[in-house]
Each structure stands twice: as C-alpha cells, then as structure tokens.
C-alpha cells in the first residue's frame, strides 16, 4: 500500500460522521510518520472536516 493510500485509509477509519478532531489528525500524522499537511490533504480528498483546531485554522 502506498504511503498516500495508508494516510487516506487511516483518516477514513478515524473520522466520525465526516469529522476528525485536529488533535487526532496530529496524532495520526505522528503515528504514520508523515507531515500534518499530508493528513490534511487526505482529509480534504475524503471530504472529512478537521474540527476543534488547536490553532483556530479550521
């Protein structure tokens, strides 16, 4: 499985009702060893909204 596919699958598995908390997205990036932006791109592609942003960006 390609890295991008792993990220897409992981985001899909962790999203609840089309949403994933920012803290969970950051934790996921750390677990997968990818930049947080890669998780953000996967979420965008899957139409998963990042919520409860710690930086106020989403």
PDB file of N, CA and C in Angstrom:
ATOM      1  N   UNK A   1       0.860  -1.177   0.000  1.00  0.00           N
ATOM      2  CA  UNK A   1       0.000   0.000   0.000  1.00  0.00           C
ATOM      3  C   UNK A   1       0.904   1.237   0.000  1.00  0.00           C
ATOM      4  N   UNK A   2       0.628   2.166  -0.881  1.00  0.00           N
ATOM      5  CA  UNK A   2       1.409   3.400  -0.970  1.00  0.00           C
ATOM      6  C   UNK A   2       1.156   4.267   0.262  1.00  0.00           C
ATOM      7  N   UNK A   3       2.121   5.131   0.567  1.00  0.00           N
ATOM      8  CA  UNK A   3       2.006   5.992   1.752  1.00  0.00           C
ATOM      9  C   UNK A   3       0.713   6.800   1.723  1.00  0.00           C
ATOM     10  N   UNK A   4       0.387   7.392   0.566  1.00  0.00           N
ATOM     11  CA  UNK A   4      -0.826   8.193   0.455  1.00  0.00           C
ATOM     12  C   UNK A   4      -2.060   7.341   0.736  1.00  0.00           C
ATOM     13  N   UNK A   5      -2.055   6.113   0.251  1.00  0.00           N
ATOM     14  CA  UNK A   5      -3.198   5.225   0.492  1.00  0.00           C
ATOM     15  C   UNK A   5      -3.321   4.889   1.974  1.00  0.00           C
ATOM     16  N   UNK A   6      -2.180   4.721   2.648  1.00  0.00           N
ATOM     17  CA  UNK A   6      -2.203   4.444   4.082  1.00  0.00           C
ATOM     18  C   UNK A   6      -2.807   5.615   4.843  1.00  0.00           C
ATOM     19  N   UNK A   7      -2.421   6.824   4.453  1.00  0.00           N
ATOM     20  CA  UNK A   7      -2.943   8.018   5.112  1.00  0.00           C
ATOM     21  C   UNK A   7      -4.440   8.138   4.852  1.00  0.00           C
ATOM     22  N   UNK A   8      -4.852   7.943   3.613  1.00  0.00           N
ATOM     23  CA  UNK A   8      -6.279   8.010   3.275  1.00  0.00           C
ATOM     24  C   UNK A   8      -7.074   6.990   4.093  1.00  0.00           C
ATOM     25  N   UNK A   9      -6.588   5.762   4.156  1.00  0.00           N
ATOM     26  CA  UNK A   9      -7.286   4.712   4.894  1.00  0.00           C
ATOM     27  C   UNK A   9      -7.363   5.045   6.374  1.00  0.00           C
ATOM     28  N   UNK A  10      -6.264   5.548   6.942  1.00  0.00           N
ATOM     29  CA  UNK A  10      -6.236   5.872   8.367  1.00  0.00           C
ATOM     30  C   UNK A  10      -7.210   7.004   8.694  1.00  0.00           C
ATOM     31  N   UNK A  11      -7.253   8.024   7.852  1.00  0.00           N
ATOM     32  CA  UNK A  11      -8.183   9.140   8.075  1.00  0.00           C
ATOM     33  C   UNK A  11      -9.618   8.625   7.989  1.00  0.00           C
ATOM     34  N   UNK A  12      -9.880   7.800   6.995  1.00  0.00           N
ATOM     35  CA  UNK A  12     -11.220   7.243   6.816  1.00  0.00           C
ATOM     36  C   UNK A  12     -11.646   6.440   8.046  1.00  0.00           C
ATOM     37  N   UNK A  13     -10.719   5.663   8.604  1.00  0.00           N
ATOM     38  CA  UNK A  13     -11.033   4.833   9.774  1.00  0.00           C
ATOM     39  C   UNK A  13     -11.270   5.662  11.032  1.00  0.00           C
ATOM     40  N   UNK A  14     -10.574   6.774  11.166  1.00  0.00           N
ATOM     41  CA  UNK A  14     -10.674   7.574  12.399  1.00  0.00           C
ATOM     42  C   UNK A  14     -11.743   8.654  12.345  1.00  0.00           C
ATOM     43  N   UNK A  15     -12.221   8.972  11.159  1.00  0.00           N
ATOM     44  CA  UNK A  15     -13.250  10.006  11.030  1.00  0.00           C
ATOM     45  C   UNK A  15     -14.578   9.484  11.573  1.00  0.00           C
ATOM     46  N   UNK A  16     -15.275  10.353  12.267  1.00  0.00           N
ATOM     47  CA  UNK A  16     -16.601  10.027  12.796  1.00  0.00           C
ATOM     48  C   UNK A  16     -17.566  11.064  12.245  1.00  0.00           C
ATOM     49  N   UNK A  17     -18.576  10.600  11.551  1.00  0.00           N
ATOM     50  CA  UNK A  17     -19.570  11.491  10.935  1.00  0.00           C
ATOM     51  C   UNK A  17     -18.909  12.534  10.039  1.00  0.00           C
ATOM     52  N   UNK A  18     -17.870  12.114   9.307  1.00  0.00           N
ATOM     53  CA  UNK A  18     -17.216  13.021   8.360  1.00  0.00           C
ATOM     54  C   UNK A  18     -16.342  14.075   9.021  1.00  0.00           C
ATOM     55  N   UNK A  19     -15.938  13.829  10.260  1.00  0.00           N
ATOM     56  CA  UNK A  19     -15.127  14.799  11.001  1.00  0.00           C
ATOM     57  C   UNK A  19     -14.003  14.081  11.741  1.00  0.00           C
ATOM     58  N   UNK A  20     -12.907  14.820  11.924  1.00  0.00           N
ATOM     59  CA  UNK A  20     -11.798  14.314  12.725  1.00  0.00           C
ATOM     60  C   UNK A  20     -11.238  15.490  13.522  1.00  0.00           C
ATOM     61  N   UNK A  21     -11.087  15.341  14.826  1.00  0.00           N
ATOM     62  CA  UNK A  21     -10.526  16.438  15.623  1.00  0.00           C
ATOM     63  C   UNK A  21      -9.076  16.714  15.228  1.00  0.00           C
ATOM     64  N   UNK A  22      -8.681  17.959  15.309  1.00  0.00           N
ATOM     65  CA  UNK A  22      -7.326  18.368  14.970  1.00  0.00           C
ATOM     66  C   UNK A  22      -6.296  17.559  15.768  1.00  0.00           C
ATOM     67  N   UNK A  23      -6.528  17.383  17.047  1.00  0.00           N
ATOM     68  CA  UNK A  23      -5.581  16.637  17.885  1.00  0.00           C
ATOM     69  C   UNK A  23      -5.419  15.211  17.364  1.00  0.00           C
ATOM     70  N   UNK A  24      -6.500  14.609  16.917  1.00  0.00           N
ATOM     71  CA  UNK A  24      -6.438  13.247  16.379  1.00  0.00           C
ATOM     72  C   UNK A  24      -5.686  13.232  15.052  1.00  0.00           C
ATOM     73  N   UNK A  25      -5.892  14.241  14.234  1.00  0.00           N
ATOM     74  CA  UNK A  25      -5.172  14.339  12.961  1.00  0.00           C
ATOM     75  C   UNK A  25      -3.669  14.482  13.206  1.00  0.00           C
ATOM     76  N   UNK A  26      -3.296  15.284  14.185  1.00  0.00           N
ATOM     77  CA  UNK A  26      -1.878  15.458  14.527  1.00  0.00           C
ATOM     78  C   UNK A  26      -1.284  14.156  15.070  1.00  0.00           C
ATOM     79  N   UNK A  27      -2.037  13.458  15.891  1.00  0.00           N
ATOM     80  CA  UNK A  27      -1.592  12.179  16.452  1.00  0.00           C
ATOM     81  C   UNK A  27      -1.417  11.151  15.320  1.00  0.00           C
ATOM     82  N   UNK A  28      -2.349  11.153  14.393  1.00  0.00           N
ATOM     83  CA  UNK A  28      -2.295  10.244  13.261  1.00  0.00           C
ATOM     84  C   UNK A  28      -1.047  10.504  12.412  1.00  0.00           C
ATOM     85  N   UNK A  29      -0.752  11.764  12.155  1.00  0.00           N
ATOM     86  CA  UNK A  29       0.441  12.120  11.379  1.00  0.00           C
ATOM     87  C   UNK A  29       1.701  11.612  12.084  1.00  0.00           C
ATOM     88  N   UNK A  30       1.758  11.772  13.387  1.00  0.00           N
ATOM     89  CA  UNK A  30       2.919  11.310  14.148  1.00  0.00           C
ATOM     90  C   UNK A  30       3.041   9.783  14.084  1.00  0.00           C
ATOM     91  N   UNK A  31       1.919   9.092  14.228  1.00  0.00           N
ATOM     92  CA  UNK A  31       1.926   7.627  14.178  1.00  0.00           C
ATOM     93  C   UNK A  31       2.394   7.113  12.822  1.00  0.00           C
ATOM     94  N   UNK A  32       1.967   7.793  11.757  1.00  0.00           N
ATOM     95  CA  UNK A  32       2.313   7.362  10.404  1.00  0.00           C
ATOM     96  C   UNK A  32       3.658   7.907   9.934  1.00  0.00           C
ATOM     97  N   UNK A  33       4.203   8.861  10.694  1.00  0.00           N
ATOM     98  CA  UNK A  33       5.486   9.451  10.321  1.00  0.00           C
ATOM     99  C   UNK A  33       5.410  10.321   9.081  1.00  0.00           C
ATOM    100  N   UNK A  34       4.274  11.028   8.929  1.00  0.00           N
ATOM    101  CA  UNK A  34       4.088  11.919   7.784  1.00  0.00           C
ATOM    102  C   UNK A  34       3.815  13.333   8.291  1.00  0.00           C
ATOM    103  N   UNK A  35       4.054  14.338   7.453  1.00  0.00           N
ATOM    104  CA  UNK A  35       3.735  15.711   7.863  1.00  0.00           C
ATOM    105  C   UNK A  35       2.228  15.873   8.082  1.00  0.00           C
ATOM    106  N   UNK A  36       1.861  16.762   8.980  1.00  0.00           N
ATOM    107  CA  UNK A  36       0.445  17.012   9.257  1.00  0.00           C
ATOM    108  C   UNK A  36      -0.294  17.454   7.991  1.00  0.00           C
ATOM    109  N   UNK A  37       0.405  18.137   7.107  1.00  0.00           N
ATOM    110  CA  UNK A  37      -0.206  18.566   5.843  1.00  0.00           C
ATOM    111  C   UNK A  37      -0.675  17.400   4.997  1.00  0.00           C
ATOM    112  N   UNK A  38       0.016  16.287   5.081  1.00  0.00           N
ATOM    113  CA  UNK A  38      -0.388  15.091   4.330  1.00  0.00           C
ATOM    114  C   UNK A  38      -1.720  14.563   4.853  1.00  0.00           C
ATOM    115  N   UNK A  39      -1.896  14.602   6.160  1.00  0.00           N
ATOM    116  CA  UNK A  39      -3.172  14.184   6.754  1.00  0.00           C
ATOM    117  C   UNK A  39      -4.259  15.177   6.345  1.00  0.00           C
ATOM    118  N   UNK A  40      -3.932  16.460   6.318  1.00  0.00           N
ATOM    119  CA  UNK A  40      -4.887  17.479   5.878  1.00  0.00           C
ATOM    120  C   UNK A  40      -5.318  17.279   4.437  1.00  0.00           C
ATOM    121  N   UNK A  41      -4.357  16.959   3.568  1.00  0.00           N
ATOM    122  CA  UNK A  41      -4.695  16.707   2.159  1.00  0.00           C
ATOM    123  C   UNK A  41      -5.604  15.486   2.030  1.00  0.00           C
ATOM    124  N   UNK A  42      -5.304  14.442   2.804  1.00  0.00           N
ATOM    125  CA  UNK A  42      -6.143  13.239   2.774  1.00  0.00           C
ATOM    126  C   UNK A  42      -7.558  13.573   3.245  1.00  0.00           C
ATOM    127  N   UNK A  43      -7.655  14.354   4.312  1.00  0.00           N
ATOM    128  CA  UNK A  43      -8.978  14.750   4.812  1.00  0.00           C
ATOM    129  C   UNK A  43      -9.740  15.538   3.757  1.00  0.00           C
ATOM    130  N   UNK A  44      -9.065  16.457   3.083  1.00  0.00           N
ATOM    131  CA  UNK A  44      -9.720  17.227   2.022  1.00  0.00           C
ATOM    132  C   UNK A  44     -10.210  16.312   0.912  1.00  0.00           C
ATOM    133  N   UNK A  45      -9.364  15.384   0.501  1.00  0.00           N
ATOM    134  CA  UNK A  45      -9.726  14.466  -0.579  1.00  0.00           C
ATOM    135  C   UNK A  45     -10.938  13.621  -0.212  1.00  0.00           C
ATOM    136  N   UNK A  46     -11.016  13.241   1.056  1.00  0.00           N
ATOM    137  CA  UNK A  46     -12.122  12.410   1.530  1.00  0.00           C
ATOM    138  C   UNK A  46     -13.338  13.225   1.975  1.00  0.00           C
ATOM    139  N   UNK A  47     -13.220  14.547   1.893  1.00  0.00           N
ATOM    140  CA  UNK A  47     -14.296  15.443   2.345  1.00  0.00           C
ATOM    141  C   UNK A  47     -14.548  15.291   3.847  1.00  0.00           C
ATOM    142  N   UNK A  48     -13.467  15.028   4.597  1.00  0.00           N
ATOM    143  CA  UNK A  48     -13.537  14.920   6.053  1.00  0.00           C
ATOM    144  C   UNK A  48     -13.134  16.277   6.623  1.00  0.00           C
ATOM    145  N   UNK A  49     -13.958  16.803   7.479  1.00  0.00           N
ATOM    146  CA  UNK A  49     -13.707  18.117   8.069  1.00  0.00           C
ATOM    147  C   UNK A  49     -12.855  17.976   9.331  1.00  0.00           C
ATOM    148  N   UNK A  50     -11.815  18.818   9.439  1.00  0.00           N
ATOM    149  CA  UNK A  50     -10.993  18.845  10.655  1.00  0.00           C
ATOM    150  C   UNK A  50     -11.643  19.836  11.610  1.00  0.00           C
ATOM    151  N   UNK A  51     -11.960  19.367  12.811  1.00  0.00           N
ATOM    152  CA  UNK A  51     -12.680  20.195  13.785  1.00  0.00           C
ATOM    153  C   UNK A  51     -11.857  20.368  15.045  1.00  0.00           C
ATOM    154  N   UNK A  52     -12.284  21.286  15.877  1.00  0.00           N
ATOM    155  CA  UNK A  52     -11.624  21.579  17.155  1.00  0.00           C
ATOM    156  C   UNK A  52     -10.139  21.892  16.954  1.00  0.00           C
ATOM    157  N   UNK A  53      -9.873  22.751  15.983  1.00  0.00           N
ATOM    158  CA  UNK A  53      -8.492  23.083  15.666  1.00  0.00           C
ATOM    159  C   UNK A  53      -7.845  23.839  16.809  1.00  0.00           C
ATOM    160  N   UNK A  54      -6.669  23.385  17.187  1.00  0.00           N
ATOM    161  CA  UNK A  54      -5.935  23.997  18.272  1.00  0.00           C
ATOM    162  C   UNK A  54      -5.354  25.359  17.874  1.00  0.00           C
ATOM    163  N   UNK A  55      -5.224  25.606  16.580  1.00  0.00           N
ATOM    164  CA  UNK A  55      -4.651  26.856  16.091  1.00  0.00           C
ATOM    165  C   UNK A  55      -5.719  27.820  15.575  1.00  0.00           C
ATOM    166  N   UNK A  56      -6.966  27.355  15.529  1.00  0.00           N
ATOM    167  CA  UNK A  56      -8.038  28.197  15.033  1.00  0.00           C
ATOM    168  C   UNK A  56      -8.062  28.299  13.503  1.00  0.00           C
ATOM    169  N   UNK A  57      -7.424  27.348  12.826  1.00  0.00           N
ATOM    170  CA  UNK A  57      -7.330  27.401  11.369  1.00  0.00           C
ATOM    171  C   UNK A  57      -8.546  26.781  10.681  1.00  0.00           C
ATOM    172  N   UNK A  58      -9.236  25.861  11.355  1.00  0.00           N
ATOM    173  CA  UNK A  58     -10.344  25.138  10.698  1.00  0.00           C
ATOM    174  C   UNK A  58     -11.622  25.374  11.465  1.00  0.00           C
TER     175      UNK A  58
END
